Amino acid sequence: MSDMSARCAPYRAKLKHQSFATIIPDRRPEVKLHAGIGLAKLAVGYQGWNGARGGEIYELTAEGWDLLYRVEAGTSMDALPWRAEK
């Protein structure tokens, strides 16, 4: 079992079909699971006084957890990686 799978194992019963996880070091709990990508992006991209909260977004695939985005704390809203994909 990978490290990410082990960290998310206690929350698996709450998951829906498509599963995403966020890791935000200054949040408790540090790892949270999300049913949709939009909620995961909101968690990581939440804008405070100093820019985005920052963190990582993972997607659960058949091979395990894949890192989708890594956002540094303080990133401006315009510089979020999913904004550049549009």
PDB file of N, CA and C in Angstrom:
ATOM      1  N   MET A   1       0.853  -1.181   0.000  1.00  0.00           N
ATOM      2  CA  MET A   1       0.000   0.000   0.000  1.00  0.00           C
ATOM      3  C   MET A   1       0.894   1.238   0.000  1.00  0.00           C
ATOM      4  N   SER A   2       0.603   2.187  -0.895  1.00  0.00           N
ATOM      5  CA  SER A   2       1.406   3.402  -0.971  1.00  0.00           C
ATOM      6  C   SER A   2       1.149   4.287   0.236  1.00  0.00           C
ATOM      7  N   ASP A   3       2.050   5.233   0.457  1.00  0.00           N
ATOM      8  CA  ASP A   3       1.900   6.164   1.574  1.00  0.00           C
ATOM      9  C   ASP A   3       0.583   6.934   1.479  1.00  0.00           C
ATOM     10  N   MET A   4       0.238   7.393   0.273  1.00  0.00           N
ATOM     11  CA  MET A   4      -1.010   8.146   0.091  1.00  0.00           C
ATOM     12  C   MET A   4      -2.215   7.255   0.366  1.00  0.00           C
ATOM     13  N   SER A   5      -2.193   6.015  -0.080  1.00  0.00           N
ATOM     14  CA  SER A   5      -3.297   5.092   0.178  1.00  0.00           C
ATOM     15  C   SER A   5      -3.455   4.844   1.676  1.00  0.00           C
ATOM     16  N   ALA A   6      -2.345   4.700   2.369  1.00  0.00           N
ATOM     17  CA  ALA A   6      -2.392   4.478   3.813  1.00  0.00           C
ATOM     18  C   ALA A   6      -2.964   5.692   4.537  1.00  0.00           C
ATOM     19  N   ARG A   7      -2.595   6.886   4.095  1.00  0.00           N
ATOM     20  CA  ARG A   7      -3.088   8.113   4.740  1.00  0.00           C
ATOM     21  C   ARG A   7      -4.584   8.300   4.527  1.00  0.00           C
ATOM     22  N   CYS A   8      -5.096   7.850   3.380  1.00  0.00           N
ATOM     23  CA  CYS A   8      -6.508   8.041   3.046  1.00  0.00           C
ATOM     24  C   CYS A   8      -7.400   6.873   3.475  1.00  0.00           C
ATOM     25  N   ALA A   9      -6.805   5.753   3.844  1.00  0.00           N
ATOM     26  CA  ALA A   9      -7.570   4.548   4.170  1.00  0.00           C
ATOM     27  C   ALA A   9      -8.684   4.777   5.197  1.00  0.00           C
ATOM     28  N   PRO A  10      -8.474   5.554   6.265  1.00  0.00           N
ATOM     29  CA  PRO A  10      -9.544   5.733   7.244  1.00  0.00           C
ATOM     30  C   PRO A  10     -10.780   6.447   6.690  1.00  0.00           C
ATOM     31  N   TYR A  11     -10.637   7.121   5.562  1.00  0.00           N
ATOM     32  CA  TYR A  11     -11.731   7.925   5.009  1.00  0.00           C
ATOM     33  C   TYR A  11     -12.415   7.258   3.814  1.00  0.00           C
ATOM     34  N   ARG A  12     -11.947   6.088   3.387  1.00  0.00           N
ATOM     35  CA  ARG A  12     -12.447   5.443   2.165  1.00  0.00           C
ATOM     36  C   ARG A  12     -13.954   5.200   2.186  1.00  0.00           C
ATOM     37  N   ALA A  13     -14.534   4.895   3.338  1.00  0.00           N
ATOM     38  CA  ALA A  13     -15.964   4.593   3.409  1.00  0.00           C
ATOM     39  C   ALA A  13     -16.821   5.793   3.011  1.00  0.00           C
ATOM     40  N   LYS A  14     -16.302   6.986   3.131  1.00  0.00           N
ATOM     41  CA  LYS A  14     -17.053   8.207   2.823  1.00  0.00           C
ATOM     42  C   LYS A  14     -16.948   8.616   1.359  1.00  0.00           C
ATOM     43  N   LEU A  15     -16.138   7.926   0.570  1.00  0.00           N
ATOM     44  CA  LEU A  15     -15.878   8.350  -0.799  1.00  0.00           C
ATOM     45  C   LEU A  15     -17.012   8.007  -1.746  1.00  0.00           C
ATOM     46  N   LYS A  16     -17.169   8.849  -2.746  1.00  0.00           N
ATOM     47  CA  LYS A  16     -18.096   8.578  -3.838  1.00  0.00           C
ATOM     48  C   LYS A  16     -17.294   8.093  -5.029  1.00  0.00           C
ATOM     49  N   HIS A  17     -17.932   8.013  -6.194  1.00  0.00           N
ATOM     50  CA  HIS A  17     -17.314   7.423  -7.376  1.00  0.00           C
ATOM     51  C   HIS A  17     -15.951   8.041  -7.720  1.00  0.00           C
ATOM     52  N   GLN A  18     -15.914   9.317  -8.038  1.00  0.00           N
ATOM     53  CA  GLN A  18     -14.640   9.960  -8.337  1.00  0.00           C
ATOM     54  C   GLN A  18     -14.098  10.564  -7.054  1.00  0.00           C
ATOM     55  N   SER A  19     -12.900  10.230  -6.739  1.00  0.00           N
ATOM     56  CA  SER A  19     -12.337  10.675  -5.474  1.00  0.00           C
ATOM     57  C   SER A  19     -11.097  11.525  -5.680  1.00  0.00           C
ATOM     58  N   PHE A  20     -11.050  12.588  -4.932  1.00  0.00           N
ATOM     59  CA  PHE A  20      -9.908  13.489  -4.933  1.00  0.00           C
ATOM     60  C   PHE A  20      -9.504  13.726  -3.485  1.00  0.00           C
ATOM     61  N   ALA A  21      -8.228  13.973  -3.276  1.00  0.00           N
ATOM     62  CA  ALA A  21      -7.719  14.251  -1.941  1.00  0.00           C
ATOM     63  C   ALA A  21      -6.897  15.524  -1.989  1.00  0.00           C
ATOM     64  N   THR A  22      -6.959  16.280  -0.896  1.00  0.00           N
ATOM     65  CA  THR A  22      -6.093  17.450  -0.763  1.00  0.00           C
ATOM     66  C   THR A  22      -5.227  17.260   0.468  1.00  0.00           C
ATOM     67  N   ILE A  23      -4.009  17.743   0.353  1.00  0.00           N
ATOM     68  CA  ILE A  23      -3.107  17.801   1.493  1.00  0.00           C
ATOM     69  C   ILE A  23      -2.749  19.263   1.667  1.00  0.00           C
ATOM     70  N   ILE A  24      -3.133  19.802   2.808  1.00  0.00           N
ATOM     71  CA  ILE A  24      -2.844  21.194   3.134  1.00  0.00           C
ATOM     72  C   ILE A  24      -2.178  21.192   4.507  1.00  0.00           C
ATOM     73  N   PRO A  25      -0.868  21.442   4.550  1.00  0.00           N
ATOM     74  CA  PRO A  25      -0.111  21.282   5.790  1.00  0.00           C
ATOM     75  C   PRO A  25      -0.621  22.089   6.981  1.00  0.00           C
ATOM     76  N   ASP A  26      -1.172  23.283   6.770  1.00  0.00           N
ATOM     77  CA  ASP A  26      -1.614  24.089   7.914  1.00  0.00           C
ATOM     78  C   ASP A  26      -3.076  23.844   8.288  1.00  0.00           C
ATOM     79  N   ARG A  27      -3.713  22.826   7.717  1.00  0.00           N
ATOM     80  CA  ARG A  27      -5.110  22.506   8.011  1.00  0.00           C
ATOM     81  C   ARG A  27      -5.145  21.225   8.844  1.00  0.00           C
ATOM     82  N   ARG A  28      -6.136  21.123   9.699  1.00  0.00           N
ATOM     83  CA  ARG A  28      -6.357  19.894  10.464  1.00  0.00           C
ATOM     84  C   ARG A  28      -7.750  19.397  10.192  1.00  0.00           C
ATOM     85  N   PRO A  29      -7.948  18.178   9.718  1.00  0.00           N
ATOM     86  CA  PRO A  29      -6.890  17.233   9.372  1.00  0.00           C
ATOM     87  C   PRO A  29      -6.151  17.676   8.118  1.00  0.00           C
ATOM     88  N   GLU A  30      -4.915  17.283   8.042  1.00  0.00           N
ATOM     89  CA  GLU A  30      -4.051  17.681   6.928  1.00  0.00           C
ATOM     90  C   GLU A  30      -4.542  17.106   5.600  1.00  0.00           C
ATOM     91  N   VAL A  31      -5.060  15.872   5.628  1.00  0.00           N
ATOM     92  CA  VAL A  31      -5.561  15.201   4.424  1.00  0.00           C
ATOM     93  C   VAL A  31      -7.086  15.172   4.486  1.00  0.00           C
ATOM     94  N   LYS A  32      -7.724  15.620   3.405  1.00  0.00           N
ATOM     95  CA  LYS A  32      -9.181  15.521   3.293  1.00  0.00           C
ATOM     96  C   LYS A  32      -9.518  14.939   1.935  1.00  0.00           C
ATOM     97  N   LEU A  33     -10.612  14.183   1.886  1.00  0.00           N
ATOM     98  CA  LEU A  33     -11.089  13.589   0.651  1.00  0.00           C
ATOM     99  C   LEU A  33     -12.269  14.390   0.124  1.00  0.00           C
ATOM    100  N   HIS A  34     -12.387  14.471  -1.202  1.00  0.00           N
ATOM    101  CA  HIS A  34     -13.437  15.255  -1.852  1.00  0.00           C
ATOM    102  C   HIS A  34     -14.079  14.411  -2.944  1.00  0.00           C
ATOM    103  N   ALA A  35     -15.392  14.563  -3.106  1.00  0.00           N
ATOM    104  CA  ALA A  35     -16.119  13.818  -4.136  1.00  0.00           C
ATOM    105  C   ALA A  35     -15.914  14.422  -5.519  1.00  0.00           C
ATOM    106  N   GLY A  36     -15.524  15.681  -5.602  1.00  0.00           N
ATOM    107  CA  GLY A  36     -15.345  16.334  -6.890  1.00  0.00           C
ATOM    108  C   GLY A  36     -14.100  17.189  -6.928  1.00  0.00           C
ATOM    109  N   ILE A  37     -13.601  17.406  -8.130  1.00  0.00           N
ATOM    110  CA  ILE A  37     -12.396  18.212  -8.319  1.00  0.00           C
ATOM    111  C   ILE A  37     -12.632  19.669  -7.923  1.00  0.00           C
ATOM    112  N   GLY A  38     -13.854  20.161  -8.132  1.00  0.00           N
ATOM    113  CA  GLY A  38     -14.151  21.551  -7.788  1.00  0.00           C
ATOM    114  C   GLY A  38     -13.954  21.842  -6.314  1.00  0.00           C
ATOM    115  N   LEU A  39     -14.387  20.931  -5.461  1.00  0.00           N
ATOM    116  CA  LEU A  39     -14.223  21.124  -4.018  1.00  0.00           C
ATOM    117  C   LEU A  39     -12.747  21.061  -3.622  1.00  0.00           C
ATOM    118  N   ALA A  40     -12.001  20.193  -4.278  1.00  0.00           N
ATOM    119  CA  ALA A  40     -10.569  20.102  -4.000  1.00  0.00           C
ATOM    120  C   ALA A  40      -9.855  21.395  -4.406  1.00  0.00           C
ATOM    121  N   LYS A  41     -10.223  21.943  -5.563  1.00  0.00           N
ATOM    122  CA  LYS A  41      -9.621  23.200  -6.016  1.00  0.00           C
ATOM    123  C   LYS A  41      -9.970  24.342  -5.077  1.00  0.00           C
ATOM    124  N   LEU A  42     -11.203  24.373  -4.587  1.00  0.00           N
ATOM    125  CA  LEU A  42     -11.593  25.414  -3.641  1.00  0.00           C
ATOM    126  C   LEU A  42     -10.770  25.326  -2.356  1.00  0.00           C
ATOM    127  N   ALA A  43     -10.528  24.125  -1.879  1.00  0.00           N
ATOM    128  CA  ALA A  43      -9.761  23.954  -0.642  1.00  0.00           C
ATOM    129  C   ALA A  43      -8.336  24.465  -0.785  1.00  0.00           C
ATOM    130  N   VAL A  44      -7.685  24.130  -1.884  1.00  0.00           N
ATOM    131  CA  VAL A  44      -6.288  24.518  -2.098  1.00  0.00           C
ATOM    132  C   VAL A  44      -6.179  25.977  -2.555  1.00  0.00           C
ATOM    133  N   GLY A  45      -7.112  26.410  -3.386  1.00  0.00           N
ATOM    134  CA  GLY A  45      -7.041  27.751  -3.968  1.00  0.00           C
ATOM    135  C   GLY A  45      -7.721  28.830  -3.152  1.00  0.00           C
ATOM    136  N   TYR A  46      -8.242  28.468  -1.962  1.00  0.00           N
ATOM    137  CA  TYR A  46      -8.918  29.457  -1.130  1.00  0.00           C
ATOM    138  C   TYR A  46      -8.020  30.669  -0.922  1.00  0.00           C
ATOM    139  N   GLN A  47      -8.557  31.853  -1.238  1.00  0.00           N
ATOM    140  CA  GLN A  47      -7.764  33.080  -1.185  1.00  0.00           C
ATOM    141  C   GLN A  47      -7.913  33.780   0.166  1.00  0.00           C
ATOM    142  N   GLY A  48      -6.814  33.897   0.865  1.00  0.00           N
ATOM    143  CA  GLY A  48      -6.758  34.677   2.093  1.00  0.00           C
ATOM    144  C   GLY A  48      -6.110  36.015   1.800  1.00  0.00           C
ATOM    145  N   TRP A  49      -5.666  36.681   2.832  1.00  0.00           N
ATOM    146  CA  TRP A  49      -5.018  37.988   2.651  1.00  0.00           C
ATOM    147  C   TRP A  49      -3.721  37.881   1.864  1.00  0.00           C
ATOM    148  N   ASN A  50      -3.045  36.762   1.996  1.00  0.00           N
ATOM    149  CA  ASN A  50      -1.726  36.601   1.356  1.00  0.00           C
ATOM    150  C   ASN A  50      -1.751  35.684   0.146  1.00  0.00           C
ATOM    151  N   GLY A  51      -2.891  35.550  -0.502  1.00  0.00           N
ATOM    152  CA  GLY A  51      -2.995  34.668  -1.667  1.00  0.00           C
ATOM    153  C   GLY A  51      -3.585  33.315  -1.308  1.00  0.00           C
ATOM    154  N   ALA A  52      -3.375  32.348  -2.183  1.00  0.00           N
ATOM    155  CA  ALA A  52      -3.965  31.014  -2.009  1.00  0.00           C
ATOM    156  C   ALA A  52      -3.411  30.313  -0.776  1.00  0.00           C
ATOM    157  N   ARG A  53      -4.250  29.460  -0.213  1.00  0.00           N
ATOM    158  CA  ARG A  53      -3.847  28.659   0.943  1.00  0.00           C
ATOM    159  C   ARG A  53      -2.688  27.734   0.564  1.00  0.00           C
ATOM    160  N   GLY A  54      -2.764  27.153  -0.626  1.00  0.00           N
ATOM    161  CA  GLY A  54      -1.710  26.259  -1.100  1.00  0.00           C
ATOM    162  C   GLY A  54      -1.911  24.826  -0.625  1.00  0.00           C
ATOM    163  N   GLY A  55      -1.273  23.902  -1.316  1.00  0.00           N
ATOM    164  CA  GLY A  55      -1.356  22.481  -0.986  1.00  0.00           C
ATOM    165  C   GLY A  55      -1.273  21.645  -2.243  1.00  0.00           C
ATOM    166  N   GLU A  56      -1.688  20.391  -2.120  1.00  0.00           N
ATOM    167  CA  GLU A  56      -1.626  19.456  -3.240  1.00  0.00           C
ATOM    168  C   GLU A  56      -2.989  18.821  -3.457  1.00  0.00           C
ATOM    169  N   ILE A  57      -3.302  18.523  -4.723  1.00  0.00           N
ATOM    170  CA  ILE A  57      -4.535  17.831  -5.091  1.00  0.00           C
ATOM    171  C   ILE A  57      -4.146  16.525  -5.783  1.00  0.00           C
ATOM    172  N   TYR A  58      -4.731  15.429  -5.300  1.00  0.00           N
ATOM    173  CA  TYR A  58      -4.503  14.098  -5.863  1.00  0.00           C
ATOM    174  C   TYR A  58      -5.808  13.535  -6.392  1.00  0.00           C
ATOM    175  N   GLU A  59      -5.715  12.697  -7.432  1.00  0.00           N
ATOM    176  CA  GLU A  59      -6.868  11.998  -7.973  1.00  0.00           C
ATOM    177  C   GLU A  59      -6.652  10.503  -7.796  1.00  0.00           C
ATOM    178  N   LEU A  60      -7.692   9.798  -7.361  1.00  0.00           N
ATOM    179  CA  LEU A  60      -7.621   8.354  -7.222  1.00  0.00           C
ATOM    180  C   LEU A  60      -7.870   7.710  -8.582  1.00  0.00           C
ATOM    181  N   THR A  61      -6.897   6.963  -9.064  1.00  0.00           N
ATOM    182  CA  THR A  61      -7.006   6.259 -10.346  1.00  0.00           C
ATOM    183  C   THR A  61      -6.869   4.760 -10.086  1.00  0.00           C
ATOM    184  N   ALA A  62      -6.962   3.970 -11.125  1.00  0.00           N
ATOM    185  CA  ALA A  62      -6.812   2.521 -10.989  1.00  0.00           C
ATOM    186  C   ALA A  62      -5.419   2.145 -10.481  1.00  0.00           C
ATOM    187  N   GLU A  63      -4.431   2.985 -10.759  1.00  0.00           N
ATOM    188  CA  GLU A  63      -3.056   2.721 -10.331  1.00  0.00           C
ATOM    189  C   GLU A  63      -2.744   3.259  -8.946  1.00  0.00           C
ATOM    190  N   GLY A  64      -3.645   4.051  -8.364  1.00  0.00           N
ATOM    191  CA  GLY A  64      -3.405   4.662  -7.057  1.00  0.00           C
ATOM    192  C   GLY A  64      -3.623   6.160  -7.121  1.00  0.00           C
ATOM    193  N   TRP A  65      -3.015   6.890  -6.222  1.00  0.00           N
ATOM    194  CA  TRP A  65      -3.191   8.340  -6.141  1.00  0.00           C
ATOM    195  C   TRP A  65      -2.179   9.046  -7.031  1.00  0.00           C
ATOM    196  N   ASP A  66      -2.675   9.888  -7.939  1.00  0.00           N
ATOM    197  CA  ASP A  66      -1.822  10.672  -8.834  1.00  0.00           C
ATOM    198  C   ASP A  66      -1.910  12.146  -8.463  1.00  0.00           C
ATOM    199  N   LEU A  67      -0.761  12.784  -8.365  1.00  0.00           N
ATOM    200  CA  LEU A  67      -0.715  14.212  -8.091  1.00  0.00           C
ATOM    201  C   LEU A  67      -1.208  14.974  -9.317  1.00  0.00           C
ATOM    202  N   LEU A  68      -2.237  15.806  -9.134  1.00  0.00           N
ATOM    203  CA  LEU A  68      -2.757  16.640 -10.223  1.00  0.00           C
ATOM    204  C   LEU A  68      -2.158  18.039 -10.178  1.00  0.00           C
ATOM    205  N   TYR A  69      -2.157  18.641  -8.988  1.00  0.00           N
ATOM    206  CA  TYR A  69      -1.699  20.025  -8.847  1.00  0.00           C
ATOM    207  C   TYR A  69      -0.928  20.185  -7.538  1.00  0.00           C
ATOM    208  N   ARG A  70       0.091  21.028  -7.592  1.00  0.00           N
ATOM    209  CA  ARG A  70       0.793  21.472  -6.393  1.00  0.00           C
ATOM    210  C   ARG A  70       0.793  22.993  -6.457  1.00  0.00           C
ATOM    211  N   VAL A  71       0.261  23.626  -5.419  1.00  0.00           N
ATOM    212  CA  VAL A  71       0.130  25.081  -5.380  1.00  0.00           C
ATOM    213  C   VAL A  71       0.888  25.599  -4.163  1.00  0.00           C
ATOM    214  N   GLU A  72       1.781  26.527  -4.395  1.00  0.00           N
ATOM    215  CA  GLU A  72       2.516  27.153  -3.296  1.00  0.00           C
ATOM    216  C   GLU A  72       1.612  28.133  -2.559  1.00  0.00           C
ATOM    217  N   ALA A  73       1.744  28.188  -1.247  1.00  0.00           N
ATOM    218  CA  ALA A  73       0.992  29.162  -0.454  1.00  0.00           C
ATOM    219  C   ALA A  73       1.335  30.563  -0.947  1.00  0.00           C
ATOM    220  N   GLY A  74       0.319  31.411  -1.051  1.00  0.00           N
ATOM    221  CA  GLY A  74       0.517  32.779  -1.493  1.00  0.00           C
ATOM    222  C   GLY A  74       0.353  32.994  -2.985  1.00  0.00           C
ATOM    223  N   THR A  75       0.102  31.935  -3.744  1.00  0.00           N
ATOM    224  CA  THR A  75      -0.096  32.052  -5.190  1.00  0.00           C
ATOM    225  C   THR A  75      -1.312  32.929  -5.479  1.00  0.00           C
ATOM    226  N   SER A  76      -1.194  33.820  -6.454  1.00  0.00           N
ATOM    227  CA  SER A  76      -2.333  34.674  -6.805  1.00  0.00           C
ATOM    228  C   SER A  76      -3.385  33.862  -7.547  1.00  0.00           C
ATOM    229  N   MET A  77      -4.617  34.346  -7.524  1.00  0.00           N
ATOM    230  CA  MET A  77      -5.734  33.653  -8.159  1.00  0.00           C
ATOM    231  C   MET A  77      -5.470  33.432  -9.655  1.00  0.00           C
ATOM    232  N   ASP A  78      -4.892  34.403 -10.319  1.00  0.00           N
ATOM    233  CA  ASP A  78      -4.614  34.294 -11.757  1.00  0.00           C
ATOM    234  C   ASP A  78      -3.527  33.271 -12.077  1.00  0.00           C
ATOM    235  N   ALA A  79      -2.690  32.939 -11.095  1.00  0.00           N
ATOM    236  CA  ALA A  79      -1.572  32.026 -11.334  1.00  0.00           C
ATOM    237  C   ALA A  79      -1.869  30.587 -10.915  1.00  0.00           C
ATOM    238  N   LEU A  80      -3.094  30.299 -10.480  1.00  0.00           N
ATOM    239  CA  LEU A  80      -3.430  28.926 -10.111  1.00  0.00           C
ATOM    240  C   LEU A  80      -3.321  28.037 -11.347  1.00  0.00           C
ATOM    241  N   PRO A  81      -2.752  26.840 -11.232  1.00  0.00           N
ATOM    242  CA  PRO A  81      -2.457  26.023 -12.412  1.00  0.00           C
ATOM    243  C   PRO A  81      -3.676  25.660 -13.243  1.00  0.00           C
ATOM    244  N   TRP A  82      -4.819  25.467 -12.645  1.00  0.00           N
ATOM    245  CA  TRP A  82      -6.011  25.108 -13.428  1.00  0.00           C
ATOM    246  C   TRP A  82      -6.574  26.292 -14.171  1.00  0.00           C
ATOM    247  N   ARG A  83      -6.233  27.490 -13.789  1.00  0.00           N
ATOM    248  CA  ARG A  83      -6.665  28.684 -14.537  1.00  0.00           C
ATOM    249  C   ARG A  83      -5.906  28.790 -15.857  1.00  0.00           C
ATOM    250  N   ALA A  84      -4.659  28.348 -15.856  1.00  0.00           N
ATOM    251  CA  ALA A  84      -3.825  28.415 -17.061  1.00  0.00           C
ATOM    252  C   ALA A  84      -4.268  27.388 -18.110  1.00  0.00           C
ATOM    253  N   GLU A  85      -4.998  26.352 -17.693  1.00  0.00           N
ATOM    254  CA  GLU A  85      -5.416  25.292 -18.616  1.00  0.00           C
ATOM    255  C   GLU A  85      -6.584  25.716 -19.500  1.00  0.00           C
ATOM    256  N   LYS A  86      -7.259  26.786 -19.170  1.00  0.00           N
ATOM    257  CA  LYS A  86      -8.442  27.214 -19.932  1.00  0.00           C
ATOM    258  C   LYS A  86      -8.068  27.905 -21.203  1.00  0.00           C
TER     259      LYS A  86
END
